[in-house]
Amino acid sequence: MRAPSLAAIVLVLIAGSLFVLVAIGGGSRDAPKPVAAGAPPARSVSVNGFALTSTAVDLPDDAATYPPGPHADLVNQRCLSCHSASMGLTQPRLTAAQWAATVEKMRDTYHAPIAPGDVPAIVSYFTTLQASKPQPAG
């Protein structure tokens, strides 16, 4: 028995590839039908046995800024770009050294837009703010 020629092997591979592409490509190439104006968006989409379902999530309204005080404008400019004010205001009581380490971590690890010279002012703001709050009982 003679071995098949290279041309025959290539022809079989091309034909097989075309068959696979046609088999998995399926579906219509027609343009999608327009959605009627004002129609609600689809809650789920299913393609080739895979379904994606949309879920509505209600996020808290946190448009608040940090309370007034020395350096509050700086804290609002630098911290609110990543955090809500409520996140910063509900942090556990930290020492100045702990706040400095936290702010440096934001700068170094997460590339927060904080200049090195702004760190002491931000630390001062949070330590002063926390010192003005009553300490929780316990």
C-alpha atoms as a PDB file:
ATOM      1  CA  MET A   1       0.000   0.000   0.000  1.00  0.00           C
ATOM      2  CA  ARG A   2       1.264   3.384  -0.982  1.00  0.00           C
ATOM      3  CA  ALA A   3       1.411   6.280   1.548  1.00  0.00           C
ATOM      4  CA  PRO A   4      -0.899   9.211   0.779  1.00  0.00           C
ATOM      5  CA  SER A   5       0.747  12.185  -0.852  1.00  0.00           C
ATOM      6  CA  LEU A   6       1.351  15.414   1.007  1.00  0.00           C
ATOM      7  CA  ALA A   7      -1.245  17.144  -1.182  1.00  0.00           C
ATOM      8  CA  ALA A   8      -3.888  14.568  -0.198  1.00  0.00           C
ATOM      9  CA  ILE A   9      -3.126  15.045   3.504  1.00  0.00           C
ATOM     10  CA  VAL A  10      -3.347  18.846   3.193  1.00  0.00           C
ATOM     11  CA  LEU A  11      -6.627  18.558   1.273  1.00  0.00           C
ATOM     12  CA  VAL A  12      -8.153  16.330   3.982  1.00  0.00           C
ATOM     13  CA  LEU A  13      -6.994  18.716   6.731  1.00  0.00           C
ATOM     14  CA  ILE A  14      -8.472  21.750   4.948  1.00  0.00           C
ATOM     15  CA  ALA A  15     -11.771  19.971   4.292  1.00  0.00           C
ATOM     16  CA  GLY A  16     -11.953  18.807   7.915  1.00  0.00           C
ATOM     17  CA  SER A  17     -11.207  22.311   9.201  1.00  0.00           C
ATOM     18  CA  LEU A  18     -13.918  23.808   7.003  1.00  0.00           C
ATOM     19  CA  PHE A  19     -16.389  21.204   8.231  1.00  0.00           C
ATOM     20  CA  VAL A  20     -15.591  22.026  11.876  1.00  0.00           C
ATOM     21  CA  LEU A  21     -15.831  25.783  11.277  1.00  0.00           C
ATOM     22  CA  VAL A  22     -19.213  25.437   9.590  1.00  0.00           C
ATOM     23  CA  ALA A  23     -20.449  23.114  12.343  1.00  0.00           C
ATOM     24  CA  ILE A  24     -19.499  25.419  15.229  1.00  0.00           C
ATOM     25  CA  GLY A  25     -20.116  28.692  13.400  1.00  0.00           C
ATOM     26  CA  GLY A  26     -23.811  27.986  12.866  1.00  0.00           C
ATOM     27  CA  GLY A  27     -26.474  30.596  13.238  1.00  0.00           C
ATOM     28  CA  SER A  28     -27.591  33.355  10.998  1.00  0.00           C
ATOM     29  CA  ARG A  29     -25.348  36.089   9.695  1.00  0.00           C
ATOM     30  CA  ASP A  30     -28.294  38.492   9.501  1.00  0.00           C
ATOM     31  CA  ALA A  31     -28.042  41.801  11.314  1.00  0.00           C
ATOM     32  CA  PRO A  32     -29.640  41.776  14.765  1.00  0.00           C
ATOM     33  CA  LYS A  33     -33.163  43.100  14.967  1.00  0.00           C
ATOM     34  CA  PRO A  34     -33.379  46.581  16.482  1.00  0.00           C
ATOM     35  CA  VAL A  35     -34.782  46.872  19.984  1.00  0.00           C
ATOM     36  CA  ALA A  36     -37.903  48.984  20.266  1.00  0.00           C
ATOM     37  CA  ALA A  37     -37.328  52.379  21.850  1.00  0.00           C
ATOM     38  CA  GLY A  38     -38.098  52.328  25.539  1.00  0.00           C
ATOM     39  CA  ALA A  39     -38.022  48.535  25.708  1.00  0.00           C
ATOM     40  CA  PRO A  40     -36.359  47.163  28.835  1.00  0.00           C
ATOM     41  CA  PRO A  41     -32.972  45.555  28.269  1.00  0.00           C
ATOM     42  CA  ALA A  42     -32.835  41.794  28.059  1.00  0.00           C
ATOM     43  CA  ARG A  43     -32.372  40.171  31.466  1.00  0.00           C
ATOM     44  CA  SER A  44     -30.590  37.183  29.981  1.00  0.00           C
ATOM     45  CA  VAL A  45     -28.868  36.119  26.797  1.00  0.00           C
ATOM     46  CA  SER A  46     -28.272  32.552  25.713  1.00  0.00           C
ATOM     47  CA  VAL A  47     -25.820  31.499  23.007  1.00  0.00           C
ATOM     48  CA  ASN A  48     -24.745  27.953  22.178  1.00  0.00           C
ATOM     49  CA  GLY A  49     -25.967  26.634  25.513  1.00  0.00           C
ATOM     50  CA  PHE A  50     -24.341  29.346  27.637  1.00  0.00           C
ATOM     51  CA  ALA A  51     -26.599  31.791  29.451  1.00  0.00           C
ATOM     52  CA  LEU A  52     -25.670  35.153  30.924  1.00  0.00           C
ATOM     53  CA  THR A  53     -28.157  36.681  33.323  1.00  0.00           C
ATOM     54  CA  SER A  54     -28.233  40.315  34.352  1.00  0.00           C
ATOM     55  CA  THR A  55     -28.826  41.218  37.974  1.00  0.00           C
ATOM     56  CA  ALA A  56     -29.674  44.652  39.320  1.00  0.00           C
ATOM     57  CA  VAL A  57     -27.591  45.832  42.246  1.00  0.00           C
ATOM     58  CA  ASP A  58     -28.581  48.810  44.370  1.00  0.00           C
ATOM     59  CA  LEU A  59     -25.460  50.567  45.592  1.00  0.00           C
ATOM     60  CA  PRO A  60     -25.587  52.866  48.593  1.00  0.00           C
ATOM     61  CA  ASP A  61     -25.774  56.570  47.846  1.00  0.00           C
ATOM     62  CA  ASP A  62     -22.536  57.870  49.263  1.00  0.00           C
ATOM     63  CA  ALA A  63     -22.020  61.302  47.804  1.00  0.00           C
ATOM     64  CA  ALA A  64     -20.781  62.593  51.141  1.00  0.00           C
ATOM     65  CA  THR A  65     -17.427  64.229  51.658  1.00  0.00           C
ATOM     66  CA  TYR A  66     -15.198  64.192  54.702  1.00  0.00           C
ATOM     67  CA  PRO A  67     -16.165  66.556  57.538  1.00  0.00           C
ATOM     68  CA  PRO A  68     -14.606  70.018  57.567  1.00  0.00           C
ATOM     69  CA  GLY A  69     -11.295  70.421  59.301  1.00  0.00           C
ATOM     70  CA  PRO A  70      -7.652  71.154  58.608  1.00  0.00           C
ATOM     71  CA  HIS A  71      -6.646  69.363  55.379  1.00  0.00           C
ATOM     72  CA  ALA A  72     -10.215  68.172  54.619  1.00  0.00           C
ATOM     73  CA  ASP A  73      -9.956  69.537  51.061  1.00  0.00           C
ATOM     74  CA  LEU A  74      -6.779  67.529  50.478  1.00  0.00           C
ATOM     75  CA  VAL A  75      -8.349  64.360  51.914  1.00  0.00           C
ATOM     76  CA  ASN A  76     -11.456  64.848  49.749  1.00  0.00           C
ATOM     77  CA  GLN A  77      -9.299  65.329  46.645  1.00  0.00           C
ATOM     78  CA  ARG A  78      -6.965  62.405  47.266  1.00  0.00           C
ATOM     79  CA  CYS A  79      -9.030  59.786  49.094  1.00  0.00           C
ATOM     80  CA  LEU A  80     -12.453  60.079  47.451  1.00  0.00           C
ATOM     81  CA  SER A  81     -11.023  59.067  44.080  1.00  0.00           C
ATOM     82  CA  CYS A  82     -10.911  55.476  45.398  1.00  0.00           C
ATOM     83  CA  HIS A  83     -12.892  55.379  48.664  1.00  0.00           C
ATOM     84  CA  SER A  84     -16.240  56.618  49.881  1.00  0.00           C
ATOM     85  CA  ALA A  85     -16.152  58.995  52.813  1.00  0.00           C
ATOM     86  CA  SER A  86     -18.060  56.460  54.900  1.00  0.00           C
ATOM     87  CA  MET A  87     -15.268  53.939  54.375  1.00  0.00           C
ATOM     88  CA  GLY A  88     -12.670  56.300  55.798  1.00  0.00           C
ATOM     89  CA  LEU A  89     -14.944  57.501  58.581  1.00  0.00           C
ATOM     90  CA  THR A  90     -15.721  53.997  59.849  1.00  0.00           C
ATOM     91  CA  GLN A  91     -12.143  52.791  60.152  1.00  0.00           C
ATOM     92  CA  PRO A  92     -10.988  51.563  63.553  1.00  0.00           C
ATOM     93  CA  ARG A  93      -9.038  54.007  65.675  1.00  0.00           C
ATOM     94  CA  LEU A  94      -5.439  53.989  64.436  1.00  0.00           C
ATOM     95  CA  THR A  95      -2.292  55.636  65.732  1.00  0.00           C
ATOM     96  CA  ALA A  96      -0.497  58.239  63.626  1.00  0.00           C
ATOM     97  CA  ALA A  97       2.122  55.617  62.711  1.00  0.00           C
ATOM     98  CA  GLN A  98      -0.606  53.193  61.608  1.00  0.00           C
ATOM     99  CA  TRP A  99      -2.302  55.889  59.516  1.00  0.00           C
ATOM    100  CA  ALA A 100       1.056  56.789  57.953  1.00  0.00           C
ATOM    101  CA  ALA A 101       1.657  53.137  57.054  1.00  0.00           C
ATOM    102  CA  THR A 102      -1.857  52.899  55.590  1.00  0.00           C
ATOM    103  CA  VAL A 103      -1.445  56.038  53.474  1.00  0.00           C
ATOM    104  CA  GLU A 104       2.011  54.910  52.296  1.00  0.00           C
ATOM    105  CA  LYS A 105       0.502  51.543  51.325  1.00  0.00           C
ATOM    106  CA  MET A 106      -2.139  53.391  49.281  1.00  0.00           C
ATOM    107  CA  ARG A 107       0.645  55.348  47.543  1.00  0.00           C
ATOM    108  CA  ASP A 108       3.149  52.546  46.998  1.00  0.00           C
ATOM    109  CA  THR A 109       0.974  49.486  46.432  1.00  0.00           C
ATOM    110  CA  TYR A 110      -2.156  50.970  44.869  1.00  0.00           C
ATOM    111  CA  HIS A 111      -0.554  54.051  43.260  1.00  0.00           C
ATOM    112  CA  ALA A 112      -2.967  56.471  44.914  1.00  0.00           C
ATOM    113  CA  PRO A 113      -2.527  60.060  43.689  1.00  0.00           C
ATOM    114  CA  ILE A 114      -0.867  61.221  46.909  1.00  0.00           C
ATOM    115  CA  ALA A 115       2.371  63.192  46.852  1.00  0.00           C
ATOM    116  CA  PRO A 116       4.905  62.222  49.527  1.00  0.00           C
ATOM    117  CA  GLY A 117       4.568  65.708  51.024  1.00  0.00           C
ATOM    118  CA  ASP A 118       0.795  65.223  51.453  1.00  0.00           C
ATOM    119  CA  VAL A 119       1.121  62.156  53.691  1.00  0.00           C
ATOM    120  CA  PRO A 120       1.634  64.061  56.991  1.00  0.00           C
ATOM    121  CA  ALA A 121      -1.422  66.271  56.331  1.00  0.00           C
ATOM    122  CA  ILE A 122      -3.641  63.260  55.553  1.00  0.00           C
ATOM    123  CA  VAL A 123      -2.382  61.419  58.635  1.00  0.00           C
ATOM    124  CA  SER A 124      -2.991  64.524  60.747  1.00  0.00           C
ATOM    125  CA  TYR A 125      -6.545  64.841  59.418  1.00  0.00           C
ATOM    126  CA  PHE A 126      -7.505  61.263  60.282  1.00  0.00           C
ATOM    127  CA  THR A 127      -5.803  61.163  63.681  1.00  0.00           C
ATOM    128  CA  THR A 128      -7.390  64.501  64.653  1.00  0.00           C
ATOM    129  CA  LEU A 129     -10.786  63.366  63.381  1.00  0.00           C
ATOM    130  CA  GLN A 130     -10.619  60.099  65.296  1.00  0.00           C
ATOM    131  CA  ALA A 131      -9.401  61.817  68.459  1.00  0.00           C
ATOM    132  CA  SER A 132     -12.482  64.063  68.375  1.00  0.00           C
ATOM    133  CA  LYS A 133     -14.841  61.057  68.381  1.00  0.00           C
ATOM    134  CA  PRO A 134     -15.750  59.329  71.622  1.00  0.00           C
ATOM    135  CA  GLN A 135     -13.989  56.020  72.036  1.00  0.00           C
ATOM    136  CA  PRO A 136     -16.330  53.020  71.864  1.00  0.00           C
ATOM    137  CA  ALA A 137     -17.122  51.341  75.169  1.00  0.00           C
ATOM    138  CA  GLY A 138     -15.573  47.991  75.688  1.00  0.00           C
END
